[in-house]
Amino acid sequence: MPYVNIKITKENVTTEKKAELIQGVTRLLADVLNKNPQTTVVVIDEVDTDNWGIGGESVTVRRKQGK
């Protein structure tokens, strides 16, 4: 039973886009690794940009700086 955890910044990702991610990852595991889609678990965690850091800065700060 594959378990995939996708972490994305919380920035207005629609329910439809999340469904596409879940379907796409499930399909990828079935196609590449021959995993059963019925037992594939996909979890999407949305993280506030204040809680996601890159290069010593939060994503919130980086976005304000245009990085």
PDB file of N, CA and C in Angstrom:
ATOM      1  N   MET A   1       0.845  -1.180   0.000  1.00  0.00           N
ATOM      2  CA  MET A   1       0.000   0.000   0.000  1.00  0.00           C
ATOM      3  C   MET A   1       0.891   1.244   0.000  1.00  0.00           C
ATOM      4  N   PRO A   2       1.032   1.908  -1.131  1.00  0.00           N
ATOM      5  CA  PRO A   2       1.827   3.136  -1.178  1.00  0.00           C
ATOM      6  C   PRO A   2       1.161   4.264  -0.395  1.00  0.00           C
ATOM      7  N   TYR A   3       1.990   5.065   0.228  1.00  0.00           N
ATOM      8  CA  TYR A   3       1.529   6.257   0.945  1.00  0.00           C
ATOM      9  C   TYR A   3       2.368   7.414   0.435  1.00  0.00           C
ATOM     10  N   VAL A   4       1.720   8.427  -0.115  1.00  0.00           N
ATOM     11  CA  VAL A   4       2.407   9.594  -0.646  1.00  0.00           C
ATOM     12  C   VAL A   4       1.920  10.813   0.112  1.00  0.00           C
ATOM     13  N   ASN A   5       2.874  11.613   0.613  1.00  0.00           N
ATOM     14  CA  ASN A   5       2.536  12.832   1.337  1.00  0.00           C
ATOM     15  C   ASN A   5       3.057  14.017   0.531  1.00  0.00           C
ATOM     16  N   ILE A   6       2.144  14.833   0.041  1.00  0.00           N
ATOM     17  CA  ILE A   6       2.496  16.021  -0.731  1.00  0.00           C
ATOM     18  C   ILE A   6       2.359  17.217   0.188  1.00  0.00           C
ATOM     19  N   LYS A   7       3.406  18.016   0.275  1.00  0.00           N
ATOM     20  CA  LYS A   7       3.361  19.230   1.080  1.00  0.00           C
ATOM     21  C   LYS A   7       3.461  20.417   0.135  1.00  0.00           C
ATOM     22  N   ILE A   8       2.476  21.314   0.251  1.00  0.00           N
ATOM     23  CA  ILE A   8       2.455  22.511  -0.571  1.00  0.00           C
ATOM     24  C   ILE A   8       2.188  23.717   0.316  1.00  0.00           C
ATOM     25  N   THR A   9       2.600  24.885  -0.166  1.00  0.00           N
ATOM     26  CA  THR A   9       2.271  26.085   0.591  1.00  0.00           C
ATOM     27  C   THR A   9       0.789  26.371   0.430  1.00  0.00           C
ATOM     28  N   LYS A  10       0.213  26.896   1.484  1.00  0.00           N
ATOM     29  CA  LYS A  10      -1.222  27.183   1.515  1.00  0.00           C
ATOM     30  C   LYS A  10      -1.469  28.504   0.790  1.00  0.00           C
ATOM     31  N   GLU A  11      -1.801  28.380  -0.489  1.00  0.00           N
ATOM     32  CA  GLU A  11      -1.979  29.570  -1.318  1.00  0.00           C
ATOM     33  C   GLU A  11      -3.133  29.375  -2.292  1.00  0.00           C
ATOM     34  N   ASN A  12      -4.306  29.151  -1.737  1.00  0.00           N
ATOM     35  CA  ASN A  12      -5.531  29.098  -2.531  1.00  0.00           C
ATOM     36  C   ASN A  12      -5.525  28.022  -3.614  1.00  0.00           C
ATOM     37  N   VAL A  13      -5.031  26.836  -3.288  1.00  0.00           N
ATOM     38  CA  VAL A  13      -5.114  25.720  -4.220  1.00  0.00           C
ATOM     39  C   VAL A  13      -6.544  25.194  -4.174  1.00  0.00           C
ATOM     40  N   THR A  14      -7.157  25.112  -5.317  1.00  0.00           N
ATOM     41  CA  THR A  14      -8.574  24.724  -5.367  1.00  0.00           C
ATOM     42  C   THR A  14      -8.753  23.237  -5.075  1.00  0.00           C
ATOM     43  N   THR A  15      -9.962  22.905  -4.693  1.00  0.00           N
ATOM     44  CA  THR A  15     -10.326  21.506  -4.474  1.00  0.00           C
ATOM     45  C   THR A  15     -10.105  20.700  -5.741  1.00  0.00           C
ATOM     46  N   GLU A  16     -10.413  21.304  -6.882  1.00  0.00           N
ATOM     47  CA  GLU A  16     -10.230  20.623  -8.168  1.00  0.00           C
ATOM     48  C   GLU A  16      -8.764  20.322  -8.444  1.00  0.00           C
ATOM     49  N   LYS A  17      -7.886  21.258  -8.139  1.00  0.00           N
ATOM     50  CA  LYS A  17      -6.442  21.045  -8.354  1.00  0.00           C
ATOM     51  C   LYS A  17      -5.908  19.958  -7.418  1.00  0.00           C
ATOM     52  N   LYS A  18      -6.395  19.934  -6.191  1.00  0.00           N
ATOM     53  CA  LYS A  18      -5.994  18.885  -5.254  1.00  0.00           C
ATOM     54  C   LYS A  18      -6.449  17.519  -5.764  1.00  0.00           C
ATOM     55  N   ALA A  19      -7.656  17.458  -6.292  1.00  0.00           N
ATOM     56  CA  ALA A  19      -8.165  16.202  -6.861  1.00  0.00           C
ATOM     57  C   ALA A  19      -7.291  15.758  -8.026  1.00  0.00           C
ATOM     58  N   GLU A  20      -6.850  16.702  -8.849  1.00  0.00           N
ATOM     59  CA  GLU A  20      -5.948  16.376  -9.959  1.00  0.00           C
ATOM     60  C   GLU A  20      -4.631  15.802  -9.446  1.00  0.00           C
ATOM     61  N   LEU A  21      -4.092  16.389  -8.384  1.00  0.00           N
ATOM     62  CA  LEU A  21      -2.853  15.868  -7.789  1.00  0.00           C
ATOM     63  C   LEU A  21      -3.045  14.443  -7.297  1.00  0.00           C
ATOM     64  N   ILE A  22      -4.116  14.216  -6.584  1.00  0.00           N
ATOM     65  CA  ILE A  22      -4.387  12.881  -6.036  1.00  0.00           C
ATOM     66  C   ILE A  22      -4.530  11.866  -7.168  1.00  0.00           C
ATOM     67  N   GLN A  23      -5.303  12.216  -8.176  1.00  0.00           N
ATOM     68  CA  GLN A  23      -5.498  11.309  -9.310  1.00  0.00           C
ATOM     69  C   GLN A  23      -4.197  11.074 -10.071  1.00  0.00           C
ATOM     70  N   GLY A  24      -3.436  12.153 -10.284  1.00  0.00           N
ATOM     71  CA  GLY A  24      -2.194  12.040 -11.046  1.00  0.00           C
ATOM     72  C   GLY A  24      -1.141  11.196 -10.352  1.00  0.00           C
ATOM     73  N   VAL A  25      -0.975  11.396  -9.057  1.00  0.00           N
ATOM     74  CA  VAL A  25       0.005  10.612  -8.298  1.00  0.00           C
ATOM     75  C   VAL A  25      -0.419   9.147  -8.246  1.00  0.00           C
ATOM     76  N   THR A  26      -1.697   8.914  -8.052  1.00  0.00           N
ATOM     77  CA  THR A  26      -2.204   7.539  -8.023  1.00  0.00           C
ATOM     78  C   THR A  26      -1.953   6.853  -9.365  1.00  0.00           C
ATOM     79  N   ARG A  27      -2.239   7.559 -10.443  1.00  0.00           N
ATOM     80  CA  ARG A  27      -2.023   7.015 -11.787  1.00  0.00           C
ATOM     81  C   ARG A  27      -0.537   6.755 -12.046  1.00  0.00           C
ATOM     82  N   LEU A  28       0.320   7.679 -11.602  1.00  0.00           N
ATOM     83  CA  LEU A  28       1.765   7.526 -11.783  1.00  0.00           C
ATOM     84  C   LEU A  28       2.291   6.271 -11.089  1.00  0.00           C
ATOM     85  N   LEU A  29       1.858   6.054  -9.856  1.00  0.00           N
ATOM     86  CA  LEU A  29       2.297   4.862  -9.129  1.00  0.00           C
ATOM     87  C   LEU A  29       1.785   3.586  -9.791  1.00  0.00           C
ATOM     88  N   ALA A  30       0.589   3.638 -10.319  1.00  0.00           N
ATOM     89  CA  ALA A  30       0.046   2.469 -11.027  1.00  0.00           C
ATOM     90  C   ALA A  30       0.834   2.208 -12.305  1.00  0.00           C
ATOM     91  N   ASP A  31       1.125   3.258 -13.063  1.00  0.00           N
ATOM     92  CA  ASP A  31       1.819   3.118 -14.343  1.00  0.00           C
ATOM     93  C   ASP A  31       3.291   2.733 -14.185  1.00  0.00           C
ATOM     94  N   VAL A  32       3.973   3.370 -13.264  1.00  0.00           N
ATOM     95  CA  VAL A  32       5.419   3.172 -13.131  1.00  0.00           C
ATOM     96  C   VAL A  32       5.761   1.968 -12.260  1.00  0.00           C
ATOM     97  N   LEU A  33       5.054   1.809 -11.143  1.00  0.00           N
ATOM     98  CA  LEU A  33       5.400   0.756 -10.191  1.00  0.00           C
ATOM     99  C   LEU A  33       4.370  -0.370 -10.130  1.00  0.00           C
ATOM    100  N   ASN A  34       3.348  -0.287 -10.971  1.00  0.00           N
ATOM    101  CA  ASN A  34       2.298  -1.303 -11.011  1.00  0.00           C
ATOM    102  C   ASN A  34       1.591  -1.460  -9.660  1.00  0.00           C
ATOM    103  N   LYS A  35       1.390  -0.335  -8.976  1.00  0.00           N
ATOM    104  CA  LYS A  35       0.707  -0.346  -7.676  1.00  0.00           C
ATOM    105  C   LYS A  35      -0.800  -0.268  -7.873  1.00  0.00           C
ATOM    106  N   ASN A  36      -1.514  -0.892  -6.991  1.00  0.00           N
ATOM    107  CA  ASN A  36      -2.965  -0.922  -7.056  1.00  0.00           C
ATOM    108  C   ASN A  36      -3.531   0.443  -6.652  1.00  0.00           C
ATOM    109  N   PRO A  37      -4.234   1.117  -7.557  1.00  0.00           N
ATOM    110  CA  PRO A  37      -4.817   2.421  -7.214  1.00  0.00           C
ATOM    111  C   PRO A  37      -5.782   2.357  -6.030  1.00  0.00           C
ATOM    112  N   GLN A  38      -6.428   1.212  -5.826  1.00  0.00           N
ATOM    113  CA  GLN A  38      -7.402   1.081  -4.741  1.00  0.00           C
ATOM    114  C   GLN A  38      -6.753   1.081  -3.354  1.00  0.00           C
ATOM    115  N   THR A  39      -5.454   0.832  -3.305  1.00  0.00           N
ATOM    116  CA  THR A  39      -4.771   0.813  -2.005  1.00  0.00           C
ATOM    117  C   THR A  39      -3.723   1.920  -1.889  1.00  0.00           C
ATOM    118  N   THR A  40      -3.713   2.844  -2.841  1.00  0.00           N
ATOM    119  CA  THR A  40      -2.764   3.958  -2.817  1.00  0.00           C
ATOM    120  C   THR A  40      -3.358   5.111  -2.023  1.00  0.00           C
ATOM    121  N   VAL A  41      -2.604   5.589  -1.051  1.00  0.00           N
ATOM    122  CA  VAL A  41      -3.044   6.685  -0.187  1.00  0.00           C
ATOM    123  C   VAL A  41      -2.242   7.932  -0.557  1.00  0.00           C
ATOM    124  N   VAL A  42      -2.941   9.034  -0.789  1.00  0.00           N
ATOM    125  CA  VAL A  42      -2.287  10.315  -1.078  1.00  0.00           C
ATOM    126  C   VAL A  42      -2.828  11.343  -0.088  1.00  0.00           C
ATOM    127  N   VAL A  43      -1.918  12.006   0.615  1.00  0.00           N
ATOM    128  CA  VAL A  43      -2.294  13.033   1.580  1.00  0.00           C
ATOM    129  C   VAL A  43      -1.650  14.349   1.143  1.00  0.00           C
ATOM    130  N   ILE A  44      -2.438  15.401   1.135  1.00  0.00           N
ATOM    131  CA  ILE A  44      -1.920  16.729   0.814  1.00  0.00           C
ATOM    132  C   ILE A  44      -1.948  17.571   2.079  1.00  0.00           C
ATOM    133  N   ASP A  45      -0.771  18.027   2.488  1.00  0.00           N
ATOM    134  CA  ASP A  45      -0.658  18.935   3.625  1.00  0.00           C
ATOM    135  C   ASP A  45      -0.402  20.337   3.093  1.00  0.00           C
ATOM    136  N   GLU A  46      -1.215  21.281   3.522  1.00  0.00           N
ATOM    137  CA  GLU A  46      -1.009  22.677   3.154  1.00  0.00           C
ATOM    138  C   GLU A  46      -0.358  23.395   4.331  1.00  0.00           C
ATOM    139  N   VAL A  47       0.765  24.034   4.065  1.00  0.00           N
ATOM    140  CA  VAL A  47       1.550  24.699   5.098  1.00  0.00           C
ATOM    141  C   VAL A  47       1.497  26.208   4.865  1.00  0.00           C
ATOM    142  N   ASP A  48       1.177  26.955   5.911  1.00  0.00           N
ATOM    143  CA  ASP A  48       1.193  28.414   5.796  1.00  0.00           C
ATOM    144  C   ASP A  48       2.575  28.878   5.360  1.00  0.00           C
ATOM    145  N   THR A  49       2.617  29.896   4.525  1.00  0.00           N
ATOM    146  CA  THR A  49       3.898  30.382   4.018  1.00  0.00           C
ATOM    147  C   THR A  49       4.795  30.925   5.136  1.00  0.00           C
ATOM    148  N   ASP A  50       4.204  31.310   6.266  1.00  0.00           N
ATOM    149  CA  ASP A  50       5.010  31.725   7.425  1.00  0.00           C
ATOM    150  C   ASP A  50       5.751  30.539   8.042  1.00  0.00           C
ATOM    151  N   ASN A  51       5.245  29.330   7.804  1.00  0.00           N
ATOM    152  CA  ASN A  51       5.818  28.124   8.409  1.00  0.00           C
ATOM    153  C   ASN A  51       6.670  27.325   7.441  1.00  0.00           C
ATOM    154  N   TRP A  52       7.022  27.903   6.310  1.00  0.00           N
ATOM    155  CA  TRP A  52       7.817  27.210   5.283  1.00  0.00           C
ATOM    156  C   TRP A  52       9.010  28.097   4.984  1.00  0.00           C
ATOM    157  N   GLY A  53      10.182  27.605   5.254  1.00  0.00           N
ATOM    158  CA  GLY A  53      11.371  28.425   5.070  1.00  0.00           C
ATOM    159  C   GLY A  53      12.308  27.898   3.993  1.00  0.00           C
ATOM    160  N   ILE A  54      12.931  28.825   3.292  1.00  0.00           N
ATOM    161  CA  ILE A  54      13.934  28.510   2.274  1.00  0.00           C
ATOM    162  C   ILE A  54      15.080  29.500   2.445  1.00  0.00           C
ATOM    163  N   GLY A  55      16.281  28.994   2.521  1.00  0.00           N
ATOM    164  CA  GLY A  55      17.439  29.884   2.603  1.00  0.00           C
ATOM    165  C   GLY A  55      17.419  30.814   3.800  1.00  0.00           C
ATOM    166  N   GLY A  56      16.842  30.351   4.899  1.00  0.00           N
ATOM    167  CA  GLY A  56      16.819  31.141   6.125  1.00  0.00           C
ATOM    168  C   GLY A  56      15.705  32.164   6.200  1.00  0.00           C
ATOM    169  N   GLU A  57      14.797  32.154   5.227  1.00  0.00           N
ATOM    170  CA  GLU A  57      13.680  33.098   5.222  1.00  0.00           C
ATOM    171  C   GLU A  57      12.376  32.341   5.001  1.00  0.00           C
ATOM    172  N   SER A  58      11.303  32.887   5.555  1.00  0.00           N
ATOM    173  CA  SER A  58       9.997  32.265   5.295  1.00  0.00           C
ATOM    174  C   SER A  58       9.583  32.565   3.856  1.00  0.00           C
ATOM    175  N   VAL A  59       8.720  31.742   3.341  1.00  0.00           N
ATOM    176  CA  VAL A  59       8.196  31.961   1.985  1.00  0.00           C
ATOM    177  C   VAL A  59       7.454  33.293   1.936  1.00  0.00           C
ATOM    178  N   THR A  60       6.770  33.640   3.011  1.00  0.00           N
ATOM    179  CA  THR A  60       6.058  34.926   3.060  1.00  0.00           C
ATOM    180  C   THR A  60       7.025  36.076   2.792  1.00  0.00           C
ATOM    181  N   VAL A  61       8.157  36.086   3.481  1.00  0.00           N
ATOM    182  CA  VAL A  61       9.155  37.144   3.315  1.00  0.00           C
ATOM    183  C   VAL A  61       9.730  37.108   1.896  1.00  0.00           C
ATOM    184  N   ARG A  62      10.059  35.919   1.422  1.00  0.00           N
ATOM    185  CA  ARG A  62      10.633  35.796   0.084  1.00  0.00           C
ATOM    186  C   ARG A  62       9.679  36.302  -0.991  1.00  0.00           C
ATOM    187  N   ARG A  63       8.406  36.006  -0.840  1.00  0.00           N
ATOM    188  CA  ARG A  63       7.422  36.461  -1.833  1.00  0.00           C
ATOM    189  C   ARG A  63       7.333  37.993  -1.814  1.00  0.00           C
ATOM    190  N   LYS A  64       7.392  38.586  -0.632  1.00  0.00           N
ATOM    191  CA  LYS A  64       7.349  40.042  -0.534  1.00  0.00           C
ATOM    192  C   LYS A  64       8.558  40.668  -1.201  1.00  0.00           C
ATOM    193  N   GLN A  65       9.688  39.950  -1.182  1.00  0.00           N
ATOM    194  CA  GLN A  65      10.924  40.459  -1.788  1.00  0.00           C
ATOM    195  C   GLN A  65      11.012  40.117  -3.278  1.00  0.00           C
ATOM    196  N   GLY A  66      10.025  39.400  -3.763  1.00  0.00           N
ATOM    197  CA  GLY A  66      10.014  39.036  -5.176  1.00  0.00           C
ATOM    198  C   GLY A  66      10.906  37.881  -5.546  1.00  0.00           C
ATOM    199  N   LYS A  67      11.261  37.052  -4.568  1.00  0.00           N
ATOM    200  CA  LYS A  67      12.133  35.903  -4.823  1.00  0.00           C
ATOM    201  C   LYS A  67      11.345  34.683  -5.224  1.00  0.00           C
TER     202      LYS A  67
END
